[in-house]
Amino acid sequence: MYLKHFGLSELPFGITPDTSFTYSVQYHQEALNTLLMALSEGEGFVKISGEVGTGKTLLCRRLLQTLDDGWVTAYLPNPNLDADTLFLALAEELGIKDAAGLDQYHLVRRINHTLLEHARAKKRVVVCIDEAQAMPVATLEALRLLSNLETEKRKLLQIVLFGQPELDEKLHRPEVRQLLQRIAFHYRLGGLKKNEIGHYIAHRLRVAGYRGDGLFSRAALRALHRASGGTPRLINILAHKSLLSVFGEGRQLAKLRHVRLARKDTEGACRAGWLWG
């Protein structure tokens, strides 16, 4: 690859969520603040939605890293499960050893018992569910019933849903309207603003070990924003391909033509009229 050519220690524009590359753009910090406030107030449900590539999984990981040892956390990355299997997955995340083979009634009782133990130990429990738009409606309703577990003072379990816009559509179906009413806090992730992309690119390059002058011209940065719509994942893909083109030419600066080539090779990138010819 181009690591040695640009003096990098690792690839700066990977698409796997990596908190070591976190750059706190405005919308991401606002979303994290919303989550922390909602959890501190004991809300049962919180929802974060956003298009593909806007950083929902990264935000989830940031949240889990931010919570201190007063929290017990559970993470469910694939919730396309029936209710019984979802409860079993939650039980495993909570360290319940004897959950296998229990029917739903006894499984929920076992989860409730564990949550009460954590409450007595002054621990709060949060489960983060990624890709929540994939949950069947019946499972969403079962999740609502699970959220009924509480003491006289507070909820025993807080639930954060991370999902694509399809989750918003699913939650407006009549059969899950009770769950929708319980979501007190919600944040919709957007994209980077024009004035943020240069700092974003520079930050990722710096974390990856780059110590030289800027690798992208101003025109290239503007083109990256237009072609990506500000979506971080697309920015990373386009920036990576642009640097590959620069490396192939034996040069050191990504220009408009390099971003143009990257856009033509990337499905999902925006076409910005005159910019691309």
C-alpha atoms as a PDB file:
ATOM      1  CA  MET A   1       0.000   0.000   0.000  1.00  0.00           C
ATOM      2  CA  TYR A   2       1.002   3.651   0.307  1.00  0.00           C
ATOM      3  CA  LEU A   3       2.036   3.726   3.983  1.00  0.00           C
ATOM      4  CA  LYS A   4       5.779   4.159   3.436  1.00  0.00           C
ATOM      5  CA  HIS A   5       5.219   6.624   0.586  1.00  0.00           C
ATOM      6  CA  PHE A   6       3.295   9.046   2.810  1.00  0.00           C
ATOM      7  CA  GLY A   7       5.108   8.255   6.070  1.00  0.00           C
ATOM      8  CA  LEU A   8       2.125   6.566   7.713  1.00  0.00           C
ATOM      9  CA  SER A   9       2.158   3.912  10.426  1.00  0.00           C
ATOM     10  CA  GLU A  10      -1.308   2.564   9.558  1.00  0.00           C
ATOM     11  CA  LEU A  11      -4.088   3.138   7.075  1.00  0.00           C
ATOM     12  CA  PRO A  12      -5.857   6.405   7.965  1.00  0.00           C
ATOM     13  CA  PHE A  13      -9.163   5.847   6.217  1.00  0.00           C
ATOM     14  CA  GLY A  14     -10.431   2.413   7.199  1.00  0.00           C
ATOM     15  CA  ILE A  15     -14.193   1.853   7.296  1.00  0.00           C
ATOM     16  CA  THR A  16     -14.188  -0.386  10.380  1.00  0.00           C
ATOM     17  CA  PRO A  17     -15.347   1.652  13.418  1.00  0.00           C
ATOM     18  CA  ASP A  18     -12.198   2.434  15.416  1.00  0.00           C
ATOM     19  CA  THR A  19     -12.467   4.690  18.450  1.00  0.00           C
ATOM     20  CA  SER A  20      -8.756   5.537  18.280  1.00  0.00           C
ATOM     21  CA  PHE A  21      -9.597   7.603  15.171  1.00  0.00           C
ATOM     22  CA  THR A  22     -12.582   9.329  16.758  1.00  0.00           C
ATOM     23  CA  TYR A  23     -12.921  12.949  15.728  1.00  0.00           C
ATOM     24  CA  SER A  24     -15.621  14.689  17.707  1.00  0.00           C
ATOM     25  CA  VAL A  25     -17.597  16.490  15.018  1.00  0.00           C
ATOM     26  CA  GLN A  26     -20.521  18.543  16.281  1.00  0.00           C
ATOM     27  CA  TYR A  27     -23.333  16.101  15.579  1.00  0.00           C
ATOM     28  CA  HIS A  28     -21.465  13.138  17.085  1.00  0.00           C
ATOM     29  CA  GLN A  29     -20.731  15.003  20.299  1.00  0.00           C
ATOM     30  CA  GLU A  30     -24.326  16.214  20.529  1.00  0.00           C
ATOM     31  CA  ALA A  31     -25.551  12.632  20.099  1.00  0.00           C
ATOM     32  CA  LEU A  32     -23.180  11.356  22.809  1.00  0.00           C
ATOM     33  CA  ASN A  33     -24.288  14.136  25.161  1.00  0.00           C
ATOM     34  CA  THR A  34     -27.926  13.207  24.501  1.00  0.00           C
ATOM     35  CA  LEU A  35     -27.214   9.576  25.355  1.00  0.00           C
ATOM     36  CA  LEU A  36     -25.361  10.398  28.566  1.00  0.00           C
ATOM     37  CA  MET A  37     -28.094  12.786  29.707  1.00  0.00           C
ATOM     38  CA  ALA A  38     -30.866  10.297  28.959  1.00  0.00           C
ATOM     39  CA  LEU A  39     -29.075   7.511  30.811  1.00  0.00           C
ATOM     40  CA  SER A  40     -28.317   9.718  33.784  1.00  0.00           C
ATOM     41  CA  GLU A  41     -32.021  10.585  34.039  1.00  0.00           C
ATOM     42  CA  GLY A  42     -32.968   6.903  34.005  1.00  0.00           C
ATOM     43  CA  GLU A  43     -34.968   6.887  30.781  1.00  0.00           C
ATOM     44  CA  GLY A  44     -36.065   3.421  29.705  1.00  0.00           C
ATOM     45  CA  PHE A  45     -35.595   3.892  25.959  1.00  0.00           C
ATOM     46  CA  VAL A  46     -33.311   6.113  23.896  1.00  0.00           C
ATOM     47  CA  LYS A  47     -33.058   6.045  20.093  1.00  0.00           C
ATOM     48  CA  ILE A  48     -30.248   7.069  17.764  1.00  0.00           C
ATOM     49  CA  SER A  49     -30.982   6.912  14.048  1.00  0.00           C
ATOM     50  CA  GLY A  50     -29.003   7.811  10.950  1.00  0.00           C
ATOM     51  CA  GLU A  51     -28.235   6.806   7.407  1.00  0.00           C
ATOM     52  CA  VAL A  52     -25.717   4.100   6.562  1.00  0.00           C
ATOM     53  CA  GLY A  53     -22.175   5.264   7.280  1.00  0.00           C
ATOM     54  CA  THR A  54     -22.972   8.134   9.641  1.00  0.00           C
ATOM     55  CA  GLY A  55     -21.184   6.524  12.590  1.00  0.00           C
ATOM     56  CA  LYS A  56     -23.864   4.796  14.675  1.00  0.00           C
ATOM     57  CA  THR A  57     -21.681   1.830  15.615  1.00  0.00           C
ATOM     58  CA  LEU A  58     -18.757   4.120  16.434  1.00  0.00           C
ATOM     59  CA  LEU A  59     -21.047   6.218  18.633  1.00  0.00           C
ATOM     60  CA  CYS A  60     -22.213   3.072  20.403  1.00  0.00           C
ATOM     61  CA  ARG A  61     -18.624   2.075  21.115  1.00  0.00           C
ATOM     62  CA  ARG A  62     -17.815   5.576  22.361  1.00  0.00           C
ATOM     63  CA  LEU A  63     -20.765   5.381  24.741  1.00  0.00           C
ATOM     64  CA  LEU A  64     -19.705   2.006  26.119  1.00  0.00           C
ATOM     65  CA  GLN A  65     -16.148   3.294  26.649  1.00  0.00           C
ATOM     66  CA  THR A  66     -17.427   6.430  28.399  1.00  0.00           C
ATOM     67  CA  LEU A  67     -19.555   4.672  31.030  1.00  0.00           C
ATOM     68  CA  ASP A  68     -17.726   4.020  34.285  1.00  0.00           C
ATOM     69  CA  ASP A  69     -17.741   0.951  36.542  1.00  0.00           C
ATOM     70  CA  GLY A  70     -21.075   1.994  38.010  1.00  0.00           C
ATOM     71  CA  TRP A  71     -22.646   0.570  34.865  1.00  0.00           C
ATOM     72  CA  VAL A  72     -23.203  -2.972  33.646  1.00  0.00           C
ATOM     73  CA  THR A  73     -23.336  -2.941  29.851  1.00  0.00           C
ATOM     74  CA  ALA A  74     -24.661  -5.355  27.253  1.00  0.00           C
ATOM     75  CA  TYR A  75     -24.162  -5.069  23.487  1.00  0.00           C
ATOM     76  CA  LEU A  76     -26.351  -6.814  20.914  1.00  0.00           C
ATOM     77  CA  PRO A  77     -25.003  -6.262  17.372  1.00  0.00           C
ATOM     78  CA  ASN A  78     -27.481  -8.446  15.500  1.00  0.00           C
ATOM     79  CA  PRO A  79     -31.066  -8.161  16.823  1.00  0.00           C
ATOM     80  CA  ASN A  80     -32.810  -9.879  13.893  1.00  0.00           C
ATOM     81  CA  LEU A  81     -34.025 -12.488  16.347  1.00  0.00           C
ATOM     82  CA  ASP A  82     -37.288 -13.753  17.741  1.00  0.00           C
ATOM     83  CA  ALA A  83     -38.151 -12.665  21.267  1.00  0.00           C
ATOM     84  CA  ASP A  84     -36.949 -15.830  22.998  1.00  0.00           C
ATOM     85  CA  THR A  85     -33.568 -15.728  21.250  1.00  0.00           C
ATOM     86  CA  LEU A  86     -33.149 -12.015  21.994  1.00  0.00           C
ATOM     87  CA  PHE A  87     -33.816 -12.629  25.690  1.00  0.00           C
ATOM     88  CA  LEU A  88     -31.320 -15.501  25.642  1.00  0.00           C
ATOM     89  CA  ALA A  89     -28.687 -13.274  24.003  1.00  0.00           C
ATOM     90  CA  LEU A  90     -29.307 -10.600  26.641  1.00  0.00           C
ATOM     91  CA  ALA A  91     -29.017 -13.181  29.399  1.00  0.00           C
ATOM     92  CA  GLU A  92     -25.640 -14.290  28.036  1.00  0.00           C
ATOM     93  CA  GLU A  93     -24.443 -10.665  27.868  1.00  0.00           C
ATOM     94  CA  LEU A  94     -25.461 -10.245  31.515  1.00  0.00           C
ATOM     95  CA  GLY A  95     -23.435 -13.300  32.488  1.00  0.00           C
ATOM     96  CA  ILE A  96     -26.399 -15.538  33.322  1.00  0.00           C
ATOM     97  CA  LYS A  97     -25.049 -19.080  33.094  1.00  0.00           C
ATOM     98  CA  ASP A  98     -28.203 -21.177  33.472  1.00  0.00           C
ATOM     99  CA  ALA A  99     -30.412 -19.511  30.830  1.00  0.00           C
ATOM    100  CA  ALA A 100     -30.250 -22.176  28.129  1.00  0.00           C
ATOM    101  CA  GLY A 101     -33.367 -24.322  27.937  1.00  0.00           C
ATOM    102  CA  LEU A 102     -35.602 -21.978  29.960  1.00  0.00           C
ATOM    103  CA  ASP A 103     -38.980 -20.993  28.564  1.00  0.00           C
ATOM    104  CA  GLN A 104     -39.694 -17.270  28.106  1.00  0.00           C
ATOM    105  CA  TYR A 105     -41.454 -16.871  31.447  1.00  0.00           C
ATOM    106  CA  HIS A 106     -38.603 -18.376  33.471  1.00  0.00           C
ATOM    107  CA  LEU A 107     -35.971 -16.655  31.308  1.00  0.00           C
ATOM    108  CA  VAL A 108     -37.487 -13.228  31.999  1.00  0.00           C
ATOM    109  CA  ARG A 109     -37.674 -14.083  35.715  1.00  0.00           C
ATOM    110  CA  ARG A 110     -33.986 -15.027  35.644  1.00  0.00           C
ATOM    111  CA  ILE A 111     -33.102 -11.742  33.907  1.00  0.00           C
ATOM    112  CA  ASN A 112     -35.214  -9.799  36.402  1.00  0.00           C
ATOM    113  CA  HIS A 113     -33.467 -11.509  39.326  1.00  0.00           C
ATOM    114  CA  THR A 114     -30.060 -10.577  37.878  1.00  0.00           C
ATOM    115  CA  LEU A 115     -31.136  -6.964  37.311  1.00  0.00           C
ATOM    116  CA  LEU A 116     -32.320  -6.728  40.916  1.00  0.00           C
ATOM    117  CA  GLU A 117     -28.950  -8.024  42.100  1.00  0.00           C
ATOM    118  CA  HIS A 118     -27.205  -5.289  40.127  1.00  0.00           C
ATOM    119  CA  ALA A 119     -29.597  -2.676  41.553  1.00  0.00           C
ATOM    120  CA  ARG A 120     -28.823  -3.791  45.105  1.00  0.00           C
ATOM    121  CA  ALA A 121     -25.129  -3.449  44.262  1.00  0.00           C
ATOM    122  CA  LYS A 122     -25.808   0.145  43.118  1.00  0.00           C
ATOM    123  CA  LYS A 123     -25.115  -0.827  39.515  1.00  0.00           C
ATOM    124  CA  ARG A 124     -27.159   0.429  36.580  1.00  0.00           C
ATOM    125  CA  VAL A 125     -27.696  -1.716  33.496  1.00  0.00           C
ATOM    126  CA  VAL A 126     -27.850  -0.549  29.885  1.00  0.00           C
ATOM    127  CA  VAL A 127     -28.218  -2.638  26.743  1.00  0.00           C
ATOM    128  CA  CYS A 128     -27.151  -1.159  23.414  1.00  0.00           C
ATOM    129  CA  ILE A 129     -28.840  -2.687  20.375  1.00  0.00           C
ATOM    130  CA  ASP A 130     -27.125  -1.992  17.046  1.00  0.00           C
ATOM    131  CA  GLU A 131     -28.877  -2.340  13.662  1.00  0.00           C
ATOM    132  CA  ALA A 132     -32.180  -2.115  15.522  1.00  0.00           C
ATOM    133  CA  GLN A 133     -34.113  -1.576  12.278  1.00  0.00           C
ATOM    134  CA  ALA A 134     -33.666  -5.311  11.681  1.00  0.00           C
ATOM    135  CA  MET A 135     -35.698  -6.283  14.756  1.00  0.00           C
ATOM    136  CA  PRO A 136     -39.015  -7.973  13.993  1.00  0.00           C
ATOM    137  CA  VAL A 137     -42.034  -6.045  15.241  1.00  0.00           C
ATOM    138  CA  ALA A 138     -42.932  -8.849  17.652  1.00  0.00           C
ATOM    139  CA  THR A 139     -39.433  -8.674  19.160  1.00  0.00           C
ATOM    140  CA  LEU A 140     -39.712  -4.902  19.592  1.00  0.00           C
ATOM    141  CA  GLU A 141     -42.927  -5.405  21.510  1.00  0.00           C
ATOM    142  CA  ALA A 142     -41.297  -8.080  23.690  1.00  0.00           C
ATOM    143  CA  LEU A 143     -38.459  -5.650  24.371  1.00  0.00           C
ATOM    144  CA  ARG A 144     -41.002  -3.102  25.586  1.00  0.00           C
ATOM    145  CA  LEU A 145     -42.422  -5.641  28.016  1.00  0.00           C
ATOM    146  CA  LEU A 146     -38.910  -6.368  29.272  1.00  0.00           C
ATOM    147  CA  SER A 147     -38.445  -2.657  29.936  1.00  0.00           C
ATOM    148  CA  ASN A 148     -41.334  -2.851  32.438  1.00  0.00           C
ATOM    149  CA  LEU A 149     -38.921  -4.387  34.936  1.00  0.00           C
ATOM    150  CA  GLU A 150     -38.411  -1.707  37.577  1.00  0.00           C
ATOM    151  CA  THR A 151     -38.279  -0.870  41.242  1.00  0.00           C
ATOM    152  CA  GLU A 152     -40.371   1.844  42.868  1.00  0.00           C
ATOM    153  CA  LYS A 153     -37.562   4.309  42.145  1.00  0.00           C
ATOM    154  CA  ARG A 154     -36.206   3.538  38.688  1.00  0.00           C
ATOM    155  CA  LYS A 155     -35.978   1.232  35.693  1.00  0.00           C
ATOM    156  CA  LEU A 156     -33.883  -1.870  36.172  1.00  0.00           C
ATOM    157  CA  LEU A 157     -32.886  -1.865  32.495  1.00  0.00           C
ATOM    158  CA  GLN A 158     -32.229   0.999  30.092  1.00  0.00           C
ATOM    159  CA  ILE A 159     -32.227   0.332  26.359  1.00  0.00           C
ATOM    160  CA  VAL A 160     -30.500   2.290  23.597  1.00  0.00           C
ATOM    161  CA  LEU A 161     -31.582   1.564  20.022  1.00  0.00           C
ATOM    162  CA  PHE A 162     -29.194   2.386  17.171  1.00  0.00           C
ATOM    163  CA  GLY A 163     -30.716   2.059  13.727  1.00  0.00           C
ATOM    164  CA  GLN A 164     -31.155   3.275  10.182  1.00  0.00           C
ATOM    165  CA  PRO A 165     -34.156   5.481   9.232  1.00  0.00           C
ATOM    166  CA  GLU A 166     -36.180   2.319   8.641  1.00  0.00           C
ATOM    167  CA  LEU A 167     -36.288   1.996  12.429  1.00  0.00           C
ATOM    168  CA  ASP A 168     -38.211   5.284  12.633  1.00  0.00           C
ATOM    169  CA  GLU A 169     -40.696   3.956  10.092  1.00  0.00           C
ATOM    170  CA  LYS A 170     -41.125   0.672  11.953  1.00  0.00           C
ATOM    171  CA  LEU A 171     -41.721   2.431  15.270  1.00  0.00           C
ATOM    172  CA  HIS A 172     -44.607   4.386  13.759  1.00  0.00           C
ATOM    173  CA  ARG A 173     -46.540   1.191  13.059  1.00  0.00           C
ATOM    174  CA  PRO A 174     -49.705   0.962  15.190  1.00  0.00           C
ATOM    175  CA  GLU A 175     -48.707  -2.288  16.872  1.00  0.00           C
ATOM    176  CA  VAL A 176     -45.607  -0.740  18.485  1.00  0.00           C
ATOM    177  CA  ARG A 177     -47.034   2.681  19.330  1.00  0.00           C
ATOM    178  CA  GLN A 178     -46.625   2.003  23.057  1.00  0.00           C
ATOM    179  CA  LEU A 179     -42.876   1.577  22.570  1.00  0.00           C
ATOM    180  CA  LEU A 180     -42.674   4.789  20.533  1.00  0.00           C
ATOM    181  CA  GLN A 181     -44.315   6.701  23.378  1.00  0.00           C
ATOM    182  CA  ARG A 182     -41.630   5.483  25.773  1.00  0.00           C
ATOM    183  CA  ILE A 183     -38.747   6.927  23.768  1.00  0.00           C
ATOM    184  CA  ALA A 184     -38.129  10.173  25.621  1.00  0.00           C
ATOM    185  CA  PHE A 185     -34.822  11.043  23.923  1.00  0.00           C
ATOM    186  CA  HIS A 186     -33.943  10.692  20.254  1.00  0.00           C
ATOM    187  CA  TYR A 187     -31.140  11.998  18.066  1.00  0.00           C
ATOM    188  CA  ARG A 188     -30.806  11.810  14.273  1.00  0.00           C
ATOM    189  CA  LEU A 189     -27.210  11.623  13.044  1.00  0.00           C
ATOM    190  CA  GLY A 190     -26.304  13.731  10.037  1.00  0.00           C
ATOM    191  CA  GLY A 191     -23.021  14.285   8.200  1.00  0.00           C
ATOM    192  CA  LEU A 192     -19.925  16.439   8.459  1.00  0.00           C
ATOM    193  CA  LYS A 193     -20.250  20.100   7.536  1.00  0.00           C
ATOM    194  CA  LYS A 194     -18.059  21.689   4.883  1.00  0.00           C
ATOM    195  CA  ASN A 195     -15.925  23.438   7.479  1.00  0.00           C
ATOM    196  CA  GLU A 196     -15.338  20.182   9.377  1.00  0.00           C
ATOM    197  CA  ILE A 197     -14.008  17.923   6.641  1.00  0.00           C
ATOM    198  CA  GLY A 198     -10.526  19.421   6.505  1.00  0.00           C
ATOM    199  CA  HIS A 199     -10.066  18.958  10.256  1.00  0.00           C
ATOM    200  CA  TYR A 200     -11.520  15.443  10.015  1.00  0.00           C
ATOM    201  CA  ILE A 201      -9.075  14.425   7.284  1.00  0.00           C
ATOM    202  CA  ALA A 202      -6.112  16.026   9.077  1.00  0.00           C
ATOM    203  CA  HIS A 203      -7.046  14.308  12.353  1.00  0.00           C
ATOM    204  CA  ARG A 204      -7.191  10.832  10.830  1.00  0.00           C
ATOM    205  CA  LEU A 205      -3.883  11.362   9.035  1.00  0.00           C
ATOM    206  CA  ARG A 206      -2.257  12.550  12.259  1.00  0.00           C
ATOM    207  CA  VAL A 207      -3.521   9.515  14.211  1.00  0.00           C
ATOM    208  CA  ALA A 208      -2.155   7.296  11.422  1.00  0.00           C
ATOM    209  CA  GLY A 209       1.297   8.825  11.903  1.00  0.00           C
ATOM    210  CA  TYR A 210       1.449  11.507   9.206  1.00  0.00           C
ATOM    211  CA  ARG A 211       3.519  14.551  10.143  1.00  0.00           C
ATOM    212  CA  GLY A 212       3.842  16.494   6.881  1.00  0.00           C
ATOM    213  CA  ASP A 213       1.844  19.229   5.205  1.00  0.00           C
ATOM    214  CA  GLY A 214      -1.736  18.689   4.079  1.00  0.00           C
ATOM    215  CA  LEU A 215      -2.203  15.777   1.678  1.00  0.00           C
ATOM    216  CA  PHE A 216      -5.413  17.144   0.138  1.00  0.00           C
ATOM    217  CA  SER A 217      -5.773  20.424  -1.728  1.00  0.00           C
ATOM    218  CA  ARG A 218      -8.655  22.749  -0.870  1.00  0.00           C
ATOM    219  CA  ALA A 219     -10.397  21.801  -4.099  1.00  0.00           C
ATOM    220  CA  ALA A 220      -9.988  18.115  -3.229  1.00  0.00           C
ATOM    221  CA  LEU A 221     -11.509  18.662   0.215  1.00  0.00           C
ATOM    222  CA  ARG A 222     -14.487  20.487  -1.280  1.00  0.00           C
ATOM    223  CA  ALA A 223     -14.881  17.649  -3.756  1.00  0.00           C
ATOM    224  CA  LEU A 224     -14.732  15.052  -0.988  1.00  0.00           C
ATOM    225  CA  HIS A 225     -17.562  16.811   0.825  1.00  0.00           C
ATOM    226  CA  ARG A 226     -19.721  17.063  -2.287  1.00  0.00           C
ATOM    227  CA  ALA A 227     -19.121  13.478  -3.354  1.00  0.00           C
ATOM    228  CA  SER A 228     -19.753  12.048   0.115  1.00  0.00           C
ATOM    229  CA  GLY A 229     -22.577  14.312   1.263  1.00  0.00           C
ATOM    230  CA  GLY A 230     -20.601  14.548   4.492  1.00  0.00           C
ATOM    231  CA  THR A 231     -21.080  10.841   5.303  1.00  0.00           C
ATOM    232  CA  PRO A 232     -17.959   9.695   7.204  1.00  0.00           C
ATOM    233  CA  ARG A 233     -17.810   6.213   5.679  1.00  0.00           C
ATOM    234  CA  LEU A 234     -17.961   7.603   2.149  1.00  0.00           C
ATOM    235  CA  ILE A 235     -15.374  10.244   3.008  1.00  0.00           C
ATOM    236  CA  ASN A 236     -13.031   7.482   4.168  1.00  0.00           C
ATOM    237  CA  ILE A 237     -13.572   5.380   1.053  1.00  0.00           C
ATOM    238  CA  LEU A 238     -13.051   8.323  -1.300  1.00  0.00           C
ATOM    239  CA  ALA A 239     -10.013   9.637   0.592  1.00  0.00           C
ATOM    240  CA  HIS A 240      -8.398   6.194   0.561  1.00  0.00           C
ATOM    241  CA  LYS A 241      -8.936   5.751  -3.176  1.00  0.00           C
ATOM    242  CA  SER A 242      -7.690   9.285  -3.828  1.00  0.00           C
ATOM    243  CA  LEU A 243      -4.445   8.556  -1.999  1.00  0.00           C
ATOM    244  CA  LEU A 244      -4.058   5.353  -3.983  1.00  0.00           C
ATOM    245  CA  SER A 245      -4.211   7.433  -7.180  1.00  0.00           C
ATOM    246  CA  VAL A 246      -1.692   9.932  -5.801  1.00  0.00           C
ATOM    247  CA  PHE A 247       0.629   7.088  -4.800  1.00  0.00           C
ATOM    248  CA  GLY A 248       0.279   5.524  -8.251  1.00  0.00           C
ATOM    249  CA  GLU A 249       1.522   8.770  -9.782  1.00  0.00           C
ATOM    250  CA  GLY A 250       4.401   9.042  -7.314  1.00  0.00           C
ATOM    251  CA  ARG A 251       3.084  12.385  -6.042  1.00  0.00           C
ATOM    252  CA  GLN A 252       2.364  13.798  -2.582  1.00  0.00           C
ATOM    253  CA  LEU A 253      -0.808  15.889  -2.951  1.00  0.00           C
ATOM    254  CA  ALA A 254      -4.376  14.751  -3.684  1.00  0.00           C
ATOM    255  CA  LYS A 255      -6.093  17.111  -6.103  1.00  0.00           C
ATOM    256  CA  LEU A 256      -9.545  17.410  -7.626  1.00  0.00           C
ATOM    257  CA  ARG A 257      -8.794  14.902 -10.397  1.00  0.00           C
ATOM    258  CA  HIS A 258      -7.878  12.241  -7.847  1.00  0.00           C
ATOM    259  CA  VAL A 259     -11.185  12.667  -6.012  1.00  0.00           C
ATOM    260  CA  ARG A 260     -12.955  12.590  -9.373  1.00  0.00           C
ATOM    261  CA  LEU A 261     -11.381   9.218 -10.145  1.00  0.00           C
ATOM    262  CA  ALA A 262     -12.323   7.937  -6.682  1.00  0.00           C
ATOM    263  CA  ARG A 263     -15.931   9.063  -7.097  1.00  0.00           C
ATOM    264  CA  LYS A 264     -16.267   7.312 -10.463  1.00  0.00           C
ATOM    265  CA  ASP A 265     -15.100   4.096  -8.800  1.00  0.00           C
ATOM    266  CA  THR A 266     -17.416   4.366  -5.781  1.00  0.00           C
ATOM    267  CA  GLU A 267     -21.056   3.325  -5.762  1.00  0.00           C
ATOM    268  CA  GLY A 268     -23.139   5.557  -3.526  1.00  0.00           C
ATOM    269  CA  ALA A 269     -21.006   8.655  -4.088  1.00  0.00           C
ATOM    270  CA  CYS A 270     -22.878  11.799  -5.123  1.00  0.00           C
ATOM    271  CA  ARG A 271     -22.521  13.329  -8.556  1.00  0.00           C
ATOM    272  CA  ALA A 272     -22.090  17.077  -8.262  1.00  0.00           C
ATOM    273  CA  GLY A 273     -22.783  18.405 -11.754  1.00  0.00           C
ATOM    274  CA  TRP A 274     -19.980  20.500 -13.258  1.00  0.00           C
ATOM    275  CA  LEU A 275     -17.549  19.293 -10.627  1.00  0.00           C
ATOM    276  CA  TRP A 276     -17.161  15.909 -12.283  1.00  0.00           C
ATOM    277  CA  GLY A 277     -17.394  16.792 -15.964  1.00  0.00           C
END
